[in-house]
Each structure stands twice: as structure tokens, then as C-alpha cells.
C-alpha atoms as a PDB file:
ATOM      1  CA  MET A   1       0.000   0.000   0.000  1.00  0.00           C
ATOM      2  CA  ARG A   2       2.288   2.719  -1.221  1.00  0.00           C
ATOM      3  CA  TRP A   3       1.192   5.771  -3.078  1.00  0.00           C
ATOM      4  CA  GLU A   4       2.467   9.326  -2.979  1.00  0.00           C
ATOM      5  CA  ALA A   5      -0.068  10.790  -0.535  1.00  0.00           C
ATOM      6  CA  PHE A   6       0.115   7.785   1.803  1.00  0.00           C
ATOM      7  CA  ARG A   7       3.269   9.108   3.508  1.00  0.00           C
ATOM      8  CA  LYS A   8       1.245  11.968   4.945  1.00  0.00           C
ATOM      9  CA  VAL A   9      -1.486   9.773   6.429  1.00  0.00           C
ATOM     10  CA  ARG A  10       0.493   6.662   7.370  1.00  0.00           C
ATOM     11  CA  GLY A  11       0.204   7.374  11.099  1.00  0.00           C
ATOM     12  CA  GLN A  12      -3.550   7.764  10.843  1.00  0.00           C
ATOM     13  CA  VAL A  13      -3.927   4.422   9.052  1.00  0.00           C
ATOM     14  CA  CYS A  14      -1.594   2.694  11.522  1.00  0.00           C
ATOM     15  CA  LYS A  15      -3.625   4.011  14.471  1.00  0.00           C
ATOM     16  CA  ARG A  16      -6.843   2.710  12.907  1.00  0.00           C
ATOM     17  CA  ILE A  17      -5.359  -0.720  12.297  1.00  0.00           C
ATOM     18  CA  GLU A  18      -3.982  -0.788  15.849  1.00  0.00           C
ATOM     19  CA  ARG A  19      -7.427   0.033  17.270  1.00  0.00           C
ATOM     20  CA  ARG A  20      -8.924  -2.787  15.197  1.00  0.00           C
ATOM     21  CA  ARG A  21      -6.236  -5.215  16.375  1.00  0.00           C
ATOM     22  CA  GLN A  22      -6.975  -4.317  19.989  1.00  0.00           C
ATOM     23  CA  ALA A  23     -10.736  -4.598  19.437  1.00  0.00           C
ATOM     24  CA  LEU A  24     -10.199  -8.137  18.149  1.00  0.00           C
ATOM     25  CA  GLY A  25      -8.049  -8.930  21.192  1.00  0.00           C
ATOM     26  CA  LEU A  26      -5.013  -9.840  19.107  1.00  0.00           C
ATOM     27  CA  PRO A  27      -1.566  -9.512  20.722  1.00  0.00           C
ATOM     28  CA  ASP A  28       0.350  -7.977  17.803  1.00  0.00           C
ATOM     29  CA  LEU A  29       0.340  -7.184  14.084  1.00  0.00           C
ATOM     30  CA  ALA A  30       1.602 -10.653  13.183  1.00  0.00           C
ATOM     31  CA  ALA A  31      -1.495 -12.073  14.865  1.00  0.00           C
ATOM     32  CA  TYR A  32      -3.655  -9.620  12.915  1.00  0.00           C
ATOM     33  CA  GLN A  33      -1.989 -10.768   9.705  1.00  0.00           C
ATOM     34  CA  GLN A  34      -2.830 -14.374  10.554  1.00  0.00           C
ATOM     35  CA  TYR A  35      -6.379 -13.305  11.392  1.00  0.00           C
ATOM     36  CA  LEU A  36      -6.655 -11.736   7.936  1.00  0.00           C
ATOM     37  CA  GLU A  37      -5.431 -14.964   6.351  1.00  0.00           C
ATOM     38  CA  HIS A  38      -8.155 -16.975   8.095  1.00  0.00           C
ATOM     39  CA  HIS A  39     -11.060 -14.503   8.036  1.00  0.00           C
ATOM     40  CA  SER A  40     -11.660 -13.264   4.513  1.00  0.00           C
ATOM     41  CA  ALA A  41     -14.421 -10.882   5.614  1.00  0.00           C
ATOM     42  CA  GLU A  42     -11.848  -8.922   7.616  1.00  0.00           C
ATOM     43  CA  TRP A  43     -10.334  -7.630   4.374  1.00  0.00           C
ATOM     44  CA  ALA A  44     -13.415  -5.466   3.878  1.00  0.00           C
ATOM     45  CA  ALA A  45     -12.924  -3.984   7.343  1.00  0.00           C
ATOM     46  CA  LEU A  46      -9.244  -3.365   6.636  1.00  0.00           C
ATOM     47  CA  ASP A  47     -10.174  -1.657   3.384  1.00  0.00           C
ATOM     48  CA  THR A  48     -12.362   0.826   5.249  1.00  0.00           C
ATOM     49  CA  PHE A  49      -9.542   1.618   7.709  1.00  0.00           C
ATOM     50  CA  CYS A  50      -7.202   2.484   4.868  1.00  0.00           C
ATOM     51  CA  ARG A  51      -9.509   4.945   3.148  1.00  0.00           C
ATOM     52  CA  ILE A  52      -8.299   8.412   3.882  1.00  0.00           C
ATOM     53  CA  THR A  53      -9.983  11.468   2.479  1.00  0.00           C
ATOM     54  CA  ILE A  54      -7.558  14.144   1.413  1.00  0.00           C
ATOM     55  CA  SER A  55      -9.120  17.300   0.102  1.00  0.00           C
ATOM     56  CA  ARG A  56      -6.816  19.807  -1.470  1.00  0.00           C
ATOM     57  CA  PHE A  57      -9.407  21.903  -3.296  1.00  0.00           C
ATOM     58  CA  TYR A  58     -10.065  24.414  -0.523  1.00  0.00           C
ATOM     59  CA  ARG A  59      -6.399  24.585   0.382  1.00  0.00           C
ATOM     60  CA  ASP A  60      -5.613  26.257  -2.928  1.00  0.00           C
ATOM     61  CA  ARG A  61      -6.694  29.834  -2.320  1.00  0.00           C
ATOM     62  CA  GLN A  62      -6.196  30.865  -5.955  1.00  0.00           C
ATOM     63  CA  THR A  63      -8.609  28.190  -7.125  1.00  0.00           C
ATOM     64  CA  CYS A  64     -11.271  29.291  -4.656  1.00  0.00           C
ATOM     65  CA  VAL A  65     -10.865  32.946  -5.603  1.00  0.00           C
ATOM     66  CA  PHE A  66     -11.143  32.067  -9.309  1.00  0.00           C
ATOM     67  CA  VAL A  67     -14.328  30.069  -8.715  1.00  0.00           C
ATOM     68  CA  GLU A  68     -15.768  32.876  -6.586  1.00  0.00           C
ATOM     69  CA  ARG A  69     -14.897  35.725  -8.964  1.00  0.00           C
ATOM     70  CA  GLU A  70     -15.066  34.123 -12.394  1.00  0.00           C
ATOM     71  CA  VAL A  71     -16.912  30.824 -12.522  1.00  0.00           C
ATOM     72  CA  LEU A  72     -19.892  31.414 -10.229  1.00  0.00           C
ATOM     73  CA  PRO A  73     -20.759  34.906 -11.577  1.00  0.00           C
ATOM     74  CA  THR A  74     -20.610  33.571 -15.134  1.00  0.00           C
ATOM     75  CA  LEU A  75     -22.881  30.646 -14.273  1.00  0.00           C
ATOM     76  CA  ALA A  76     -25.297  32.889 -12.389  1.00  0.00           C
ATOM     77  CA  GLY A  77     -25.349  35.307 -15.337  1.00  0.00           C
ATOM     78  CA  SER A  78     -26.186  32.463 -17.687  1.00  0.00           C
ATOM     79  CA  ALA A  79     -29.074  31.370 -15.472  1.00  0.00           C
ATOM     80  CA  VAL A  80     -30.456  34.918 -15.428  1.00  0.00           C
ATOM     81  CA  ALA A  81     -30.057  35.255 -19.195  1.00  0.00           C
ATOM     82  CA  ASP A  82     -31.973  32.008 -19.713  1.00  0.00           C
ATOM     83  CA  GLU A  83     -34.704  33.309 -17.386  1.00  0.00           C
ATOM     84  CA  SER A  84     -34.192  30.262 -15.224  1.00  0.00           C
ATOM     85  CA  GLU A  85     -34.884  30.473 -11.524  1.00  0.00           C
ATOM     86  CA  THR A  86     -32.444  27.729 -10.674  1.00  0.00           C
ATOM     87  CA  LEU A  87     -28.847  26.960 -11.329  1.00  0.00           C
ATOM     88  CA  ASP A  88     -27.987  23.281 -11.289  1.00  0.00           C
ATOM     89  CA  ILE A  89     -24.458  22.561 -10.123  1.00  0.00           C
ATOM     90  CA  TRP A  90     -22.875  19.157  -9.835  1.00  0.00           C
ATOM     91  CA  SER A  91     -20.217  18.702  -7.196  1.00  0.00           C
ATOM     92  CA  ALA A  92     -17.962  15.839  -8.170  1.00  0.00           C
ATOM     93  CA  GLY A  93     -16.829  14.523  -4.823  1.00  0.00           C
ATOM     94  CA  CYS A  94     -13.831  12.446  -4.003  1.00  0.00           C
ATOM     95  CA  ALA A  95     -13.346   9.539  -1.646  1.00  0.00           C
ATOM     96  CA  ILE A  96     -16.345   7.429  -0.707  1.00  0.00           C
ATOM     97  CA  GLY A  97     -18.823  10.108   0.368  1.00  0.00           C
END
């Protein structure tokens, strides 16, 4: 499980796995590995522990300012020009939410 952003969230994932290991009453990570080998359903639980949401959109101030000053006024102007009372916007989310 190595990808570029993982370095920044490794501790968070390790803490989640450690909590799961303790909840199962297993003495160490080797025991958790054996548990995984014998309980295939546990892989789904492990998968959920390793999902980390990293949002960078709102951390880029220039992007937010551009959307605020350029994109949204243009879209709102188009809705007014079309005499529409609504503006439909799709927010393409990331992660699993």
C-alpha cells in the first residue's frame, strides 16, 4: 500500500489498524496478519480503515478565488439570461462520500 499521498497519512492508518487489532483482542500485528489470512471478511474492514480522504481543493486559495470571482458569476449570469430560476451545479466529490 504505497502511493504518494500515503506518507502523509500513514500514522492515521496505523492508528486505525492498531485500534482494530486491539478490538479483536489480538496480541500484535503478526497475529492480525494471521487473522486476515483466516477470516476473509476482515479484508473489507481493513479496506475501510485504509480509506483516507484528502481534500486539497479548498487549500488552494487561488482556485477558490477564481471560482468565486469568475466561474460562479458567469454561471449565475447564464441562469439569469436564460430566465431560469435555478442553477444546477454538480459537485464531483472524491473519496467514498
